[in-house]
């Protein structure tokens, strides 16, 4: 039941703010991908991860998502 409520909430937010929701999704996926690459490819432990780099990647990709789509909300 909790997952169903979370899913419905997500769909509601997606309907109201499609671009913002997709920007956050893109940033989260790219940030998670950077953290994964730091751990798997570079062999860093959780405590050694460069969090600033992951956050920069998150914001850069979320920001780029908006500029690559014509339908940015203002």
C-alpha atoms as a PDB file:
ATOM      1  CA  UNK A   1       0.000   0.000   0.000  1.00  0.00           C
ATOM      2  CA  UNK A   2       2.861   2.399   0.730  1.00  0.00           C
ATOM      3  CA  UNK A   3       4.356   1.892  -2.723  1.00  0.00           C
ATOM      4  CA  UNK A   4       0.977   2.550  -4.309  1.00  0.00           C
ATOM      5  CA  UNK A   5       0.684   5.868  -2.435  1.00  0.00           C
ATOM      6  CA  UNK A   6       4.208   6.829  -3.428  1.00  0.00           C
ATOM      7  CA  UNK A   7       3.483   5.955  -7.070  1.00  0.00           C
ATOM      8  CA  UNK A   8       0.249   7.985  -7.086  1.00  0.00           C
ATOM      9  CA  UNK A   9       2.022  10.936  -5.490  1.00  0.00           C
ATOM     10  CA  UNK A  10       4.751  10.720  -8.108  1.00  0.00           C
ATOM     11  CA  UNK A  11       2.204  10.672 -10.939  1.00  0.00           C
ATOM     12  CA  UNK A  12       0.405  13.645  -9.418  1.00  0.00           C
ATOM     13  CA  UNK A  13       3.615  15.674  -9.234  1.00  0.00           C
ATOM     14  CA  UNK A  14       4.550  14.553 -12.745  1.00  0.00           C
ATOM     15  CA  UNK A  15       1.210  15.816 -14.074  1.00  0.00           C
ATOM     16  CA  UNK A  16       1.529  19.180 -12.342  1.00  0.00           C
ATOM     17  CA  UNK A  17       5.241  19.804 -12.982  1.00  0.00           C
ATOM     18  CA  UNK A  18       6.448  17.547 -15.827  1.00  0.00           C
ATOM     19  CA  UNK A  19       9.666  19.402 -16.645  1.00  0.00           C
ATOM     20  CA  UNK A  20      10.752  19.930 -13.053  1.00  0.00           C
ATOM     21  CA  UNK A  21      10.066  16.284 -12.233  1.00  0.00           C
ATOM     22  CA  UNK A  22      12.068  15.098 -15.240  1.00  0.00           C
ATOM     23  CA  UNK A  23      14.927  17.453 -14.351  1.00  0.00           C
ATOM     24  CA  UNK A  24      15.131  15.970 -10.853  1.00  0.00           C
ATOM     25  CA  UNK A  25      14.910  12.432 -12.250  1.00  0.00           C
ATOM     26  CA  UNK A  26      17.712  13.126 -14.711  1.00  0.00           C
ATOM     27  CA  UNK A  27      19.898  14.645 -12.007  1.00  0.00           C
ATOM     28  CA  UNK A  28      19.285  11.746  -9.620  1.00  0.00           C
ATOM     29  CA  UNK A  29      20.078   9.142 -12.262  1.00  0.00           C
ATOM     30  CA  UNK A  30      23.238  10.923 -13.364  1.00  0.00           C
ATOM     31  CA  UNK A  31      24.389  11.543  -9.785  1.00  0.00           C
ATOM     32  CA  UNK A  32      23.735   7.910  -8.874  1.00  0.00           C
ATOM     33  CA  UNK A  33      25.628   6.853 -11.991  1.00  0.00           C
ATOM     34  CA  UNK A  34      28.618   8.972 -10.985  1.00  0.00           C
ATOM     35  CA  UNK A  35      28.631   7.501  -7.479  1.00  0.00           C
ATOM     36  CA  UNK A  36      28.390   4.004  -8.954  1.00  0.00           C
ATOM     37  CA  UNK A  37      31.287   4.676 -11.324  1.00  0.00           C
ATOM     38  CA  UNK A  38      33.396   6.019  -8.479  1.00  0.00           C
ATOM     39  CA  UNK A  39      32.770   2.851  -6.478  1.00  0.00           C
ATOM     40  CA  UNK A  40      32.965   0.258  -9.268  1.00  0.00           C
ATOM     41  CA  UNK A  41      35.399   1.706 -11.796  1.00  0.00           C
ATOM     42  CA  UNK A  42      37.609   3.760  -9.505  1.00  0.00           C
ATOM     43  CA  UNK A  43      37.344   1.299  -6.600  1.00  0.00           C
ATOM     44  CA  UNK A  44      36.518   3.897  -3.944  1.00  0.00           C
ATOM     45  CA  UNK A  45      34.811   2.964  -0.690  1.00  0.00           C
ATOM     46  CA  UNK A  46      31.615   4.761   0.363  1.00  0.00           C
ATOM     47  CA  UNK A  47      33.550   7.128   2.620  1.00  0.00           C
ATOM     48  CA  UNK A  48      36.025   8.021  -0.142  1.00  0.00           C
ATOM     49  CA  UNK A  49      33.423   9.137  -2.696  1.00  0.00           C
ATOM     50  CA  UNK A  50      33.836  12.666  -3.993  1.00  0.00           C
ATOM     51  CA  UNK A  51      30.383  13.991  -3.071  1.00  0.00           C
ATOM     52  CA  UNK A  52      31.053  17.426  -4.532  1.00  0.00           C
ATOM     53  CA  UNK A  53      31.731  15.829  -7.900  1.00  0.00           C
ATOM     54  CA  UNK A  54      28.504  13.817  -7.708  1.00  0.00           C
ATOM     55  CA  UNK A  55      26.508  16.937  -6.776  1.00  0.00           C
ATOM     56  CA  UNK A  56      28.106  18.938  -9.599  1.00  0.00           C
ATOM     57  CA  UNK A  57      27.162  16.161 -11.992  1.00  0.00           C
ATOM     58  CA  UNK A  58      23.595  16.121 -10.604  1.00  0.00           C
ATOM     59  CA  UNK A  59      23.088  19.866 -11.066  1.00  0.00           C
ATOM     60  CA  UNK A  60      24.879  20.050 -14.410  1.00  0.00           C
ATOM     61  CA  UNK A  61      22.789  17.298 -15.965  1.00  0.00           C
ATOM     62  CA  UNK A  62      19.525  18.521 -14.442  1.00  0.00           C
ATOM     63  CA  UNK A  63      20.259  22.013 -15.755  1.00  0.00           C
ATOM     64  CA  UNK A  64      21.247  20.699 -19.208  1.00  0.00           C
ATOM     65  CA  UNK A  65      18.016  18.703 -19.367  1.00  0.00           C
ATOM     66  CA  UNK A  66      16.007  21.923 -19.217  1.00  0.00           C
ATOM     67  CA  UNK A  67      18.058  23.659 -21.909  1.00  0.00           C
ATOM     68  CA  UNK A  68      17.848  20.723 -24.311  1.00  0.00           C
ATOM     69  CA  UNK A  69      14.043  20.724 -24.164  1.00  0.00           C
ATOM     70  CA  UNK A  70      11.991  23.461 -25.727  1.00  0.00           C
ATOM     71  CA  UNK A  71       9.196  23.192 -23.191  1.00  0.00           C
ATOM     72  CA  UNK A  72      11.016  24.561 -20.137  1.00  0.00           C
ATOM     73  CA  UNK A  73       8.695  26.067 -17.577  1.00  0.00           C
ATOM     74  CA  UNK A  74       9.283  29.581 -16.315  1.00  0.00           C
END
